PDB file of N, CA and C in Angstrom:
ATOM      1  N   MET A   1      57.558 -64.455  51.152  1.00  0.00           N
ATOM      2  CA  MET A   1      56.742 -63.959  52.212  1.00  0.00           C
ATOM      3  C   MET A   1      56.798 -64.361  53.498  1.00  0.00           C
ATOM      4  N   HIS A   2      57.279 -63.752  54.370  1.00  0.00           N
ATOM      5  CA  HIS A   2      57.737 -64.340  55.869  1.00  0.00           C
ATOM      6  C   HIS A   2      56.277 -64.085  56.612  1.00  0.00           C
ATOM      7  N   GLU A   3      55.129 -63.594  56.266  1.00  0.00           N
ATOM      8  CA  GLU A   3      53.858 -63.772  57.017  1.00  0.00           C
ATOM      9  C   GLU A   3      53.480 -65.388  57.098  1.00  0.00           C
ATOM     10  N   MET A   4      53.922 -66.026  56.087  1.00  0.00           N
ATOM     11  CA  MET A   4      53.596 -67.568  56.141  1.00  0.00           C
ATOM     12  C   MET A   4      54.291 -67.982  57.672  1.00  0.00           C
ATOM     13  N   ALA A   5      55.581 -67.691  57.613  1.00  0.00           N
ATOM     14  CA  ALA A   5      56.218 -68.213  58.842  1.00  0.00           C
ATOM     15  C   ALA A   5      55.486 -67.631  60.224  1.00  0.00           C
ATOM     16  N   LEU A   6      55.203 -66.397  59.974  1.00  0.00           N
ATOM     17  CA  LEU A   6      54.575 -65.635  61.233  1.00  0.00           C
ATOM     18  C   LEU A   6      53.370 -66.260  61.692  1.00  0.00           C
ATOM     19  N   SER A   7      52.397 -66.660  60.612  1.00  0.00           N
ATOM     20  CA  SER A   7      51.183 -67.362  60.824  1.00  0.00           C
ATOM     21  C   SER A   7      51.432 -68.562  61.455  1.00  0.00           C
ATOM     22  N   GLU A   8      52.317 -69.229  60.989  1.00  0.00           N
ATOM     23  CA  GLU A   8      52.518 -70.554  61.615  1.00  0.00           C
ATOM     24  C   GLU A   8      52.930 -70.596  62.959  1.00  0.00           C
ATOM     25  N   GLY A   9      53.682 -69.369  63.622  1.00  0.00           N
ATOM     26  CA  GLY A   9      53.862 -69.035  64.556  1.00  0.00           C
ATOM     27  C   GLY A   9      52.806 -68.732  65.681  1.00  0.00           C
ATOM     28  N   VAL A  10      51.840 -68.014  64.897  1.00  0.00           N
ATOM     29  CA  VAL A  10      50.890 -67.794  65.733  1.00  0.00           C
ATOM     30  C   VAL A  10      49.820 -69.010  65.867  1.00  0.00           C
ATOM     31  N   LEU A  11      49.727 -69.997  64.845  1.00  0.00           N
ATOM     32  CA  LEU A  11      49.054 -71.021  64.970  1.00  0.00           C
ATOM     33  C   LEU A  11      49.632 -71.975  66.260  1.00  0.00           C
ATOM     34  N   GLN A  12      51.069 -72.120  66.198  1.00  0.00           N
ATOM     35  CA  GLN A  12      51.676 -72.774  67.291  1.00  0.00           C
ATOM     36  C   GLN A  12      51.286 -72.272  68.562  1.00  0.00           C
ATOM     37  N   ILE A  13      51.207 -70.905  68.757  1.00  0.00           N
ATOM     38  CA  ILE A  13      50.815 -70.303  70.169  1.00  0.00           C
ATOM     39  C   ILE A  13      49.284 -70.879  70.367  1.00  0.00           C
ATOM     40  N   VAL A  14      48.547 -70.847  69.286  1.00  0.00           N
ATOM     41  CA  VAL A  14      47.089 -70.978  69.500  1.00  0.00           C
ATOM     42  C   VAL A  14      47.055 -72.651  69.865  1.00  0.00           C
ATOM     43  N   GLN A  15      47.734 -73.360  69.147  1.00  0.00           N
ATOM     44  CA  GLN A  15      47.751 -75.205  69.524  1.00  0.00           C
ATOM     45  C   GLN A  15      48.154 -75.228  70.828  1.00  0.00           C
ATOM     46  N   ASP A  16      49.394 -74.558  71.393  1.00  0.00           N
ATOM     47  CA  ASP A  16      49.757 -74.605  72.667  1.00  0.00           C
ATOM     48  C   ASP A  16      48.888 -74.269  73.797  1.00  0.00           C
ATOM     49  N   SER A  17      48.104 -73.207  73.412  1.00  0.00           N
ATOM     50  CA  SER A  17      47.384 -72.827  74.413  1.00  0.00           C
ATOM     51  C   SER A  17      45.952 -73.697  74.509  1.00  0.00           C
ATOM     52  N   ALA A  18      45.333 -74.261  73.306  1.00  0.00           N
ATOM     53  CA  ALA A  18      44.441 -75.285  73.426  1.00  0.00           C
ATOM     54  C   ALA A  18      44.869 -76.668  74.366  1.00  0.00           C
ATOM     55  N   ALA A  19      46.056 -76.967  74.118  1.00  0.00           N
ATOM     56  CA  ALA A  19      46.486 -78.233  74.882  1.00  0.00           C
ATOM     57  C   ALA A  19      46.605 -78.051  76.188  1.00  0.00           C
ATOM     58  N   ARG A  20      47.219 -76.756  76.637  1.00  0.00           N
ATOM     59  CA  ARG A  20      47.249 -76.436  78.058  1.00  0.00           C
ATOM     60  C   ARG A  20      45.787 -75.948  78.754  1.00  0.00           C
ATOM     61  N   GLU A  21      44.950 -75.343  77.853  1.00  0.00           N
ATOM     62  CA  GLU A  21      43.915 -74.895  78.512  1.00  0.00           C
ATOM     63  C   GLU A  21      42.577 -75.911  78.508  1.00  0.00           C
ATOM     64  N   GLY A  22      42.896 -76.787  77.522  1.00  0.00           N
ATOM     65  CA  GLY A  22      41.704 -77.624  77.209  1.00  0.00           C
ATOM     66  C   GLY A  22      40.392 -77.181  76.340  1.00  0.00           C
ATOM     67  N   PHE A  23      40.579 -76.163  75.256  1.00  0.00           N
ATOM     68  CA  PHE A  23      39.615 -75.779  74.593  1.00  0.00           C
ATOM     69  C   PHE A  23      39.723 -76.510  73.334  1.00  0.00           C
ATOM     70  N   SER A  24      38.574 -76.673  72.471  1.00  0.00           N
ATOM     71  CA  SER A  24      38.533 -77.639  71.176  1.00  0.00           C
ATOM     72  C   SER A  24      38.264 -76.641  70.152  1.00  0.00           C
ATOM     73  N   ARG A  25      38.073 -75.506  70.224  1.00  0.00           N
ATOM     74  CA  ARG A  25      37.894 -74.478  68.955  1.00  0.00           C
ATOM     75  C   ARG A  25      38.109 -73.139  69.226  1.00  0.00           C
ATOM     76  N   VAL A  26      38.679 -72.260  68.599  1.00  0.00           N
ATOM     77  CA  VAL A  26      39.109 -70.945  68.282  1.00  0.00           C
ATOM     78  C   VAL A  26      38.039 -70.335  67.470  1.00  0.00           C
ATOM     79  N   LYS A  27      37.528 -69.268  68.061  1.00  0.00           N
ATOM     80  CA  LYS A  27      36.486 -68.570  67.112  1.00  0.00           C
ATOM     81  C   LYS A  27      37.010 -67.142  66.605  1.00  0.00           C
ATOM     82  N   SER A  28      37.970 -66.637  67.361  1.00  0.00           N
ATOM     83  CA  SER A  28      38.634 -65.470  67.147  1.00  0.00           C
ATOM     84  C   SER A  28      40.113 -65.322  67.833  1.00  0.00           C
ATOM     85  N   VAL A  29      41.039 -64.675  67.010  1.00  0.00           N
ATOM     86  CA  VAL A  29      42.364 -64.439  67.423  1.00  0.00           C
ATOM     87  C   VAL A  29      42.788 -62.876  67.260  1.00  0.00           C
ATOM     88  N   TRP A  30      43.069 -62.271  68.330  1.00  0.00           N
ATOM     89  CA  TRP A  30      43.321 -60.679  68.179  1.00  0.00           C
ATOM     90  C   TRP A  30      44.684 -60.650  68.263  1.00  0.00           C
ATOM     91  N   LEU A  31      45.273 -60.023  67.014  1.00  0.00           N
ATOM     92  CA  LEU A  31      46.795 -60.039  66.861  1.00  0.00           C
ATOM     93  C   LEU A  31      47.101 -58.537  66.760  1.00  0.00           C
ATOM     94  N   GLU A  32      47.963 -58.230  67.669  1.00  0.00           N
ATOM     95  CA  GLU A  32      48.447 -56.800  67.710  1.00  0.00           C
ATOM     96  C   GLU A  32      49.631 -56.744  66.780  1.00  0.00           C
ATOM     97  N   ILE A  33      49.585 -55.970  65.796  1.00  0.00           N
ATOM     98  CA  ILE A  33      50.658 -55.529  64.779  1.00  0.00           C
ATOM     99  C   ILE A  33      51.168 -54.148  64.767  1.00  0.00           C
ATOM    100  N   GLY A  34      52.418 -54.004  64.970  1.00  0.00           N
ATOM    101  CA  GLY A  34      52.989 -52.558  65.053  1.00  0.00           C
ATOM    102  C   GLY A  34      53.356 -52.167  63.779  1.00  0.00           C
ATOM    103  N   ALA A  35      53.147 -50.810  63.720  1.00  0.00           N
ATOM    104  CA  ALA A  35      53.398 -50.096  62.468  1.00  0.00           C
ATOM    105  C   ALA A  35      54.761 -50.294  61.857  1.00  0.00           C
ATOM    106  N   LEU A  36      55.732 -50.624  62.761  1.00  0.00           N
ATOM    107  CA  LEU A  36      57.176 -50.910  62.319  1.00  0.00           C
ATOM    108  C   LEU A  36      57.451 -52.154  62.346  1.00  0.00           C
ATOM    109  N   ALA A  37      56.626 -53.216  62.383  1.00  0.00           N
ATOM    110  CA  ALA A  37      56.891 -54.500  62.476  1.00  0.00           C
ATOM    111  C   ALA A  37      57.376 -54.910  61.286  1.00  0.00           C
ATOM    112  N   GLY A  38      56.987 -54.502  60.113  1.00  0.00           N
ATOM    113  CA  GLY A  38      57.435 -54.877  58.845  1.00  0.00           C
ATOM    114  C   GLY A  38      56.534 -56.071  58.353  1.00  0.00           C
ATOM    115  N   VAL A  39      55.206 -55.985  58.682  1.00  0.00           N
ATOM    116  CA  VAL A  39      54.235 -57.127  58.471  1.00  0.00           C
ATOM    117  C   VAL A  39      53.113 -56.607  57.669  1.00  0.00           C
ATOM    118  N   ASP A  40      52.623 -57.142  56.752  1.00  0.00           N
ATOM    119  CA  ASP A  40      51.627 -56.713  55.890  1.00  0.00           C
ATOM    120  C   ASP A  40      50.229 -57.420  56.385  1.00  0.00           C
ATOM    121  N   PRO A  41      49.418 -56.535  57.075  1.00  0.00           N
ATOM    122  CA  PRO A  41      48.238 -57.418  57.490  1.00  0.00           C
ATOM    123  C   PRO A  41      47.360 -58.193  56.557  1.00  0.00           C
ATOM    124  N   GLU A  42      47.286 -57.742  55.500  1.00  0.00           N
ATOM    125  CA  GLU A  42      46.576 -58.638  54.419  1.00  0.00           C
ATOM    126  C   GLU A  42      47.026 -59.709  54.069  1.00  0.00           C
ATOM    127  N   ALA A  43      48.448 -59.822  53.975  1.00  0.00           N
ATOM    128  CA  ALA A  43      49.187 -61.001  53.843  1.00  0.00           C
ATOM    129  C   ALA A  43      49.145 -61.736  55.195  1.00  0.00           C
ATOM    130  N   MET A  44      48.943 -61.421  56.409  1.00  0.00           N
ATOM    131  CA  MET A  44      48.764 -62.195  57.466  1.00  0.00           C
ATOM    132  C   MET A  44      47.394 -62.821  57.534  1.00  0.00           C
ATOM    133  N   ARG A  45      46.411 -62.175  57.165  1.00  0.00           N
ATOM    134  CA  ARG A  45      44.945 -62.745  56.952  1.00  0.00           C
ATOM    135  C   ARG A  45      44.960 -63.989  55.960  1.00  0.00           C
ATOM    136  N   PHE A  46      45.730 -63.614  54.894  1.00  0.00           N
ATOM    137  CA  PHE A  46      45.497 -64.749  53.783  1.00  0.00           C
ATOM    138  C   PHE A  46      46.318 -66.068  54.287  1.00  0.00           C
ATOM    139  N   THR A  47      47.676 -65.583  54.792  1.00  0.00           N
ATOM    140  CA  THR A  47      48.205 -67.056  55.270  1.00  0.00           C
ATOM    141  C   THR A  47      47.783 -67.657  56.527  1.00  0.00           C
ATOM    142  N   PHE A  48      46.978 -66.771  57.425  1.00  0.00           N
ATOM    143  CA  PHE A  48      46.507 -67.517  58.435  1.00  0.00           C
ATOM    144  C   PHE A  48      45.177 -68.289  58.191  1.00  0.00           C
ATOM    145  N   ASP A  49      44.553 -67.819  57.296  1.00  0.00           N
ATOM    146  CA  ASP A  49      43.426 -68.835  56.741  1.00  0.00           C
ATOM    147  C   ASP A  49      44.038 -69.986  56.206  1.00  0.00           C
ATOM    148  N   ALA A  50      45.270 -70.223  55.397  1.00  0.00           N
ATOM    149  CA  ALA A  50      45.528 -71.126  54.800  1.00  0.00           C
ATOM    150  C   ALA A  50      46.352 -72.136  55.758  1.00  0.00           C
ATOM    151  N   VAL A  51      47.030 -71.660  57.113  1.00  0.00           N
ATOM    152  CA  VAL A  51      47.732 -72.434  57.974  1.00  0.00           C
ATOM    153  C   VAL A  51      46.765 -73.124  58.774  1.00  0.00           C
ATOM    154  N   THR A  52      45.535 -72.383  59.129  1.00  0.00           N
ATOM    155  CA  THR A  52      44.685 -73.170  60.063  1.00  0.00           C
ATOM    156  C   THR A  52      43.703 -73.952  59.486  1.00  0.00           C
ATOM    157  N   ARG A  53      43.744 -74.488  58.351  1.00  0.00           N
ATOM    158  CA  ARG A  53      42.925 -75.453  57.726  1.00  0.00           C
ATOM    159  C   ARG A  53      43.241 -76.810  58.398  1.00  0.00           C
ATOM    160  N   GLY A  54      42.064 -77.482  58.850  1.00  0.00           N
ATOM    161  CA  GLY A  54      42.223 -78.678  59.627  1.00  0.00           C
ATOM    162  C   GLY A  54      43.015 -78.588  60.972  1.00  0.00           C
ATOM    163  N   THR A  55      42.698 -77.343  61.495  1.00  0.00           N
ATOM    164  CA  THR A  55      43.334 -77.159  63.220  1.00  0.00           C
ATOM    165  C   THR A  55      42.086 -76.811  63.954  1.00  0.00           C
ATOM    166  N   VAL A  56      42.649 -76.591  65.278  1.00  0.00           N
ATOM    167  CA  VAL A  56      41.638 -76.183  66.280  1.00  0.00           C
ATOM    168  C   VAL A  56      41.203 -74.625  65.828  1.00  0.00           C
ATOM    169  N   ALA A  57      41.865 -74.086  64.877  1.00  0.00           N
ATOM    170  CA  ALA A  57      41.530 -72.483  64.493  1.00  0.00           C
ATOM    171  C   ALA A  57      40.976 -72.513  63.166  1.00  0.00           C
ATOM    172  N   GLU A  58      40.583 -73.524  62.601  1.00  0.00           N
ATOM    173  CA  GLU A  58      39.910 -73.380  61.191  1.00  0.00           C
ATOM    174  C   GLU A  58      38.702 -72.585  61.643  1.00  0.00           C
ATOM    175  N   GLN A  59      38.584 -71.761  60.492  1.00  0.00           N
ATOM    176  CA  GLN A  59      37.535 -70.692  60.355  1.00  0.00           C
ATOM    177  C   GLN A  59      37.471 -69.722  61.456  1.00  0.00           C
ATOM    178  N   ALA A  60      38.617 -69.812  62.219  1.00  0.00           N
ATOM    179  CA  ALA A  60      38.689 -68.482  63.097  1.00  0.00           C
ATOM    180  C   ALA A  60      38.723 -67.064  62.649  1.00  0.00           C
ATOM    181  N   THR A  61      38.133 -65.980  63.182  1.00  0.00           N
ATOM    182  CA  THR A  61      38.416 -64.730  62.634  1.00  0.00           C
ATOM    183  C   THR A  61      39.712 -64.266  63.178  1.00  0.00           C
ATOM    184  N   LEU A  62      40.514 -63.708  62.211  1.00  0.00           N
ATOM    185  CA  LEU A  62      41.441 -62.921  62.660  1.00  0.00           C
ATOM    186  C   LEU A  62      41.314 -61.628  62.974  1.00  0.00           C
ATOM    187  N   GLU A  63      41.330 -60.759  64.105  1.00  0.00           N
ATOM    188  CA  GLU A  63      41.278 -59.579  64.148  1.00  0.00           C
ATOM    189  C   GLU A  63      42.647 -58.874  64.333  1.00  0.00           C
ATOM    190  N   ILE A  64      42.957 -57.998  63.462  1.00  0.00           N
ATOM    191  CA  ILE A  64      44.223 -57.224  63.699  1.00  0.00           C
ATOM    192  C   ILE A  64      44.183 -56.089  64.352  1.00  0.00           C
ATOM    193  N   VAL A  65      44.754 -55.626  65.361  1.00  0.00           N
ATOM    194  CA  VAL A  65      44.788 -54.375  66.076  1.00  0.00           C
ATOM    195  C   VAL A  65      46.155 -53.620  65.695  1.00  0.00           C
ATOM    196  N   ASP A  66      46.152 -52.538  64.989  1.00  0.00           N
ATOM    197  CA  ASP A  66      47.147 -51.851  64.719  1.00  0.00           C
ATOM    198  C   ASP A  66      47.950 -51.020  65.872  1.00  0.00           C
ATOM    199  N   VAL A  67      48.989 -51.175  65.946  1.00  0.00           N
ATOM    200  CA  VAL A  67      49.846 -50.379  67.026  1.00  0.00           C
ATOM    201  C   VAL A  67      50.589 -49.191  66.317  1.00  0.00           C
ATOM    202  N   PRO A  68      50.466 -48.181  66.734  1.00  0.00           N
ATOM    203  CA  PRO A  68      51.314 -46.957  66.065  1.00  0.00           C
ATOM    204  C   PRO A  68      52.767 -47.215  66.429  1.00  0.00           C
ATOM    205  N   GLY A  69      53.728 -46.642  65.737  1.00  0.00           N
ATOM    206  CA  GLY A  69      55.033 -46.354  65.947  1.00  0.00           C
ATOM    207  C   GLY A  69      55.415 -45.289  66.963  1.00  0.00           C
ATOM    208  N   LYS A  70      56.061 -45.584  67.672  1.00  0.00           N
ATOM    209  CA  LYS A  70      56.733 -44.469  68.674  1.00  0.00           C
ATOM    210  C   LYS A  70      58.173 -44.596  68.943  1.00  0.00           C
ATOM    211  N   ALA A  71      58.799 -43.454  69.005  1.00  0.00           N
ATOM    212  CA  ALA A  71      60.297 -43.520  69.288  1.00  0.00           C
ATOM    213  C   ALA A  71      60.663 -42.459  70.222  1.00  0.00           C
ATOM    214  N   TRP A  72      61.856 -42.563  70.672  1.00  0.00           N
ATOM    215  CA  TRP A  72      62.391 -41.449  71.722  1.00  0.00           C
ATOM    216  C   TRP A  72      63.459 -40.892  71.019  1.00  0.00           C
ATOM    217  N   CYS A  73      63.525 -39.524  70.812  1.00  0.00           N
ATOM    218  CA  CYS A  73      64.493 -38.773  70.255  1.00  0.00           C
ATOM    219  C   CYS A  73      65.496 -38.503  70.946  1.00  0.00           C
ATOM    220  N   MET A  74      66.921 -39.075  70.696  1.00  0.00           N
ATOM    221  CA  MET A  74      68.010 -38.951  71.450  1.00  0.00           C
ATOM    222  C   MET A  74      68.328 -37.283  71.714  1.00  0.00           C
ATOM    223  N   GLN A  75      68.469 -36.729  70.692  1.00  0.00           N
ATOM    224  CA  GLN A  75      68.625 -35.290  70.122  1.00  0.00           C
ATOM    225  C   GLN A  75      67.658 -34.120  71.233  1.00  0.00           C
ATOM    226  N   CYS A  76      66.448 -34.302  71.350  1.00  0.00           N
ATOM    227  CA  CYS A  76      65.683 -33.583  71.815  1.00  0.00           C
ATOM    228  C   CYS A  76      64.895 -34.156  73.043  1.00  0.00           C
ATOM    229  N   GLY A  77      65.144 -35.290  73.343  1.00  0.00           N
ATOM    230  CA  GLY A  77      64.580 -35.999  74.391  1.00  0.00           C
ATOM    231  C   GLY A  77      63.197 -36.092  74.359  1.00  0.00           C
ATOM    232  N   THR A  78      62.523 -36.215  73.331  1.00  0.00           N
ATOM    233  CA  THR A  78      61.023 -36.436  73.047  1.00  0.00           C
ATOM    234  C   THR A  78      60.518 -37.571  72.637  1.00  0.00           C
ATOM    235  N   HIS A  79      59.406 -38.042  73.196  1.00  0.00           N
ATOM    236  CA  HIS A  79      58.692 -39.433  72.584  1.00  0.00           C
ATOM    237  C   HIS A  79      57.787 -38.575  71.451  1.00  0.00           C
ATOM    238  N   VAL A  80      57.948 -39.281  70.155  1.00  0.00           N
ATOM    239  CA  VAL A  80      57.513 -38.748  68.996  1.00  0.00           C
ATOM    240  C   VAL A  80      56.815 -40.083  68.232  1.00  0.00           C
ATOM    241  N   ALA A  81      55.517 -39.682  67.455  1.00  0.00           N
ATOM    242  CA  ALA A  81      55.101 -40.650  66.615  1.00  0.00           C
ATOM    243  C   ALA A  81      56.012 -40.858  65.273  1.00  0.00           C
ATOM    244  N   VAL A  82      56.228 -41.866  65.041  1.00  0.00           N
ATOM    245  CA  VAL A  82      56.795 -42.397  63.839  1.00  0.00           C
ATOM    246  C   VAL A  82      56.074 -43.160  62.779  1.00  0.00           C
ATOM    247  N   ARG A  83      56.007 -42.982  61.476  1.00  0.00           N
ATOM    248  CA  ARG A  83      55.300 -43.758  60.605  1.00  0.00           C
ATOM    249  C   ARG A  83      56.063 -45.126  60.083  1.00  0.00           C
ATOM    250  N   GLN A  84      57.329 -44.775  60.033  1.00  0.00           N
ATOM    251  CA  GLN A  84      58.281 -45.924  59.582  1.00  0.00           C
ATOM    252  C   GLN A  84      59.864 -45.537  60.083  1.00  0.00           C
ATOM    253  N   ARG A  85      60.545 -46.746  60.080  1.00  0.00           N
ATOM    254  CA  ARG A  85      61.848 -46.692  60.650  1.00  0.00           C
ATOM    255  C   ARG A  85      62.560 -45.658  59.544  1.00  0.00           C
ATOM    256  N   PHE A  86      63.648 -44.951  60.302  1.00  0.00           N
ATOM    257  CA  PHE A  86      64.371 -44.073  59.877  1.00  0.00           C
ATOM    258  C   PHE A  86      63.867 -42.786  59.244  1.00  0.00           C
ATOM    259  N   ASP A  87      62.563 -42.553  60.022  1.00  0.00           N
ATOM    260  CA  ASP A  87      61.791 -41.198  59.748  1.00  0.00           C
ATOM    261  C   ASP A  87      62.709 -40.256  60.676  1.00  0.00           C
ATOM    262  N   ALA A  88      62.840 -38.937  60.223  1.00  0.00           N
ATOM    263  CA  ALA A  88      63.355 -37.852  61.138  1.00  0.00           C
ATOM    264  C   ALA A  88      62.245 -37.487  62.110  1.00  0.00           C
ATOM    265  N   CYS A  89      63.110 -37.006  63.289  1.00  0.00           N
ATOM    266  CA  CYS A  89      62.038 -36.415  64.518  1.00  0.00           C
ATOM    267  C   CYS A  89      61.194 -35.305  63.970  1.00  0.00           C
ATOM    268  N   PRO A  90      59.900 -35.258  64.252  1.00  0.00           N
ATOM    269  CA  PRO A  90      59.053 -34.359  63.591  1.00  0.00           C
ATOM    270  C   PRO A  90      59.244 -33.125  64.396  1.00  0.00           C
ATOM    271  N   LYS A  91      59.891 -33.039  65.682  1.00  0.00           N
ATOM    272  CA  LYS A  91      60.244 -31.819  66.753  1.00  0.00           C
ATOM    273  C   LYS A  91      61.348 -31.313  66.117  1.00  0.00           C
ATOM    274  N   CYS A  92      62.736 -32.142  66.032  1.00  0.00           N
ATOM    275  CA  CYS A  92      63.865 -31.278  65.769  1.00  0.00           C
ATOM    276  C   CYS A  92      64.594 -31.771  64.443  1.00  0.00           C
ATOM    277  N   GLY A  93      64.067 -32.617  63.799  1.00  0.00           N
ATOM    278  CA  GLY A  93      64.573 -32.972  62.525  1.00  0.00           C
ATOM    279  C   GLY A  93      65.911 -34.164  62.577  1.00  0.00           C
ATOM    280  N   SER A  94      66.064 -34.522  63.824  1.00  0.00           N
ATOM    281  CA  SER A  94      67.321 -35.411  64.065  1.00  0.00           C
ATOM    282  C   SER A  94      66.769 -36.871  63.547  1.00  0.00           C
ATOM    283  N   TYR A  95      67.945 -37.642  63.203  1.00  0.00           N
ATOM    284  CA  TYR A  95      67.623 -38.991  62.766  1.00  0.00           C
ATOM    285  C   TYR A  95      68.040 -39.887  63.894  1.00  0.00           C
ATOM    286  N   GLN A  96      68.152 -39.607  65.055  1.00  0.00           N
ATOM    287  CA  GLN A  96      68.742 -40.200  66.150  1.00  0.00           C
ATOM    288  C   GLN A  96      67.689 -40.727  66.960  1.00  0.00           C
ATOM    289  N   LEU A  97      66.770 -41.481  66.496  1.00  0.00           N
ATOM    290  CA  LEU A  97      65.492 -42.081  67.208  1.00  0.00           C
ATOM    291  C   LEU A  97      65.800 -43.486  67.857  1.00  0.00           C
ATOM    292  N   GLN A  98      65.230 -43.758  68.794  1.00  0.00           N
ATOM    293  CA  GLN A  98      65.181 -45.177  69.129  1.00  0.00           C
ATOM    294  C   GLN A  98      63.669 -45.588  69.529  1.00  0.00           C
ATOM    295  N   VAL A  99      63.374 -46.727  68.548  1.00  0.00           N
ATOM    296  CA  VAL A  99      62.063 -47.314  68.512  1.00  0.00           C
ATOM    297  C   VAL A  99      61.643 -47.710  69.926  1.00  0.00           C
ATOM    298  N   VAL A 100      60.538 -47.279  70.677  1.00  0.00           N
ATOM    299  CA  VAL A 100      60.090 -47.798  72.014  1.00  0.00           C
ATOM    300  C   VAL A 100      58.689 -48.578  71.884  1.00  0.00           C
ATOM    301  N   GLU A 101      58.082 -48.413  70.648  1.00  0.00           N
ATOM    302  CA  GLU A 101      56.710 -48.995  70.431  1.00  0.00           C
ATOM    303  C   GLU A 101      56.326 -49.120  68.996  1.00  0.00           C
ATOM    304  N   GLY A 102      55.568 -50.308  68.779  1.00  0.00           N
ATOM    305  CA  GLY A 102      55.272 -50.426  67.216  1.00  0.00           C
ATOM    306  C   GLY A 102      56.127 -51.185  66.504  1.00  0.00           C
ATOM    307  N   ASP A 103      56.985 -51.982  67.069  1.00  0.00           N
ATOM    308  CA  ASP A 103      57.780 -52.632  66.244  1.00  0.00           C
ATOM    309  C   ASP A 103      57.600 -54.442  66.544  1.00  0.00           C
ATOM    310  N   GLU A 104      56.483 -54.484  67.446  1.00  0.00           N
ATOM    311  CA  GLU A 104      56.040 -55.876  68.036  1.00  0.00           C
ATOM    312  C   GLU A 104      55.041 -56.586  67.089  1.00  0.00           C
ATOM    313  N   MET A 105      54.884 -57.685  67.316  1.00  0.00           N
ATOM    314  CA  MET A 105      53.576 -58.411  66.955  1.00  0.00           C
ATOM    315  C   MET A 105      53.308 -59.398  68.019  1.00  0.00           C
ATOM    316  N   LYS A 106      52.113 -59.422  68.558  1.00  0.00           N
ATOM    317  CA  LYS A 106      51.713 -60.335  69.575  1.00  0.00           C
ATOM    318  C   LYS A 106      50.203 -61.061  69.498  1.00  0.00           C
ATOM    319  N   VAL A 107      50.079 -62.070  70.071  1.00  0.00           N
ATOM    320  CA  VAL A 107      48.766 -62.566  70.083  1.00  0.00           C
ATOM    321  C   VAL A 107      48.342 -61.945  71.455  1.00  0.00           C
ATOM    322  N   LYS A 108      47.063 -61.091  71.408  1.00  0.00           N
ATOM    323  CA  LYS A 108      46.674 -60.470  72.555  1.00  0.00           C
ATOM    324  C   LYS A 108      45.459 -61.003  72.950  1.00  0.00           C
ATOM    325  N   GLU A 109      44.654 -61.757  72.239  1.00  0.00           N
ATOM    326  CA  GLU A 109      43.587 -62.538  72.899  1.00  0.00           C
ATOM    327  C   GLU A 109      43.028 -63.621  72.050  1.00  0.00           C
ATOM    328  N   LEU A 110      42.263 -64.526  72.665  1.00  0.00           N
ATOM    329  CA  LEU A 110      41.805 -65.723  72.108  1.00  0.00           C
ATOM    330  C   LEU A 110      40.373 -65.845  72.468  1.00  0.00           C
ATOM    331  N   GLU A 111      39.402 -66.042  71.469  1.00  0.00           N
ATOM    332  CA  GLU A 111      37.856 -66.355  71.977  1.00  0.00           C
ATOM    333  C   GLU A 111      37.718 -67.848  71.525  1.00  0.00           C
ATOM    334  N   VAL A 112      37.598 -68.592  72.461  1.00  0.00           N
ATOM    335  CA  VAL A 112      37.580 -69.921  72.218  1.00  0.00           C
ATOM    336  C   VAL A 112      36.263 -70.685  72.748  1.00  0.00           C
ATOM    337  N   GLU A 113      36.081 -72.150  72.479  1.00  0.00           N
ATOM    338  CA  GLU A 113      34.992 -72.762  72.929  1.00  0.00           C
ATOM    339  C   GLU A 113      35.425 -73.954  73.709  1.00  0.00           C
TER     340      GLU A 113
END
């Protein structure tokens, strides 16, 4: 379950921000997860709760913002929505797609005290 390592990475970002900015408690973390990132949102919620125990983010709410997948079709030169990697272009049927959005995961915002 790589979500555990990802949650530990998110916690490190939160702790680094707390040290830099001087806040003592995190109430909410907004996390953008792309549809093509290969991350299970429910597993992220579970592992986030586990890794934040005893930290500045204990009992913080994890708000997950879904980012849809988008690709550029090299064949027809169109930006298209994709639901998973290796989908065909919905316009021309080509498999020559370059992902341009939706494969990322990032901490978007923190609500702190």
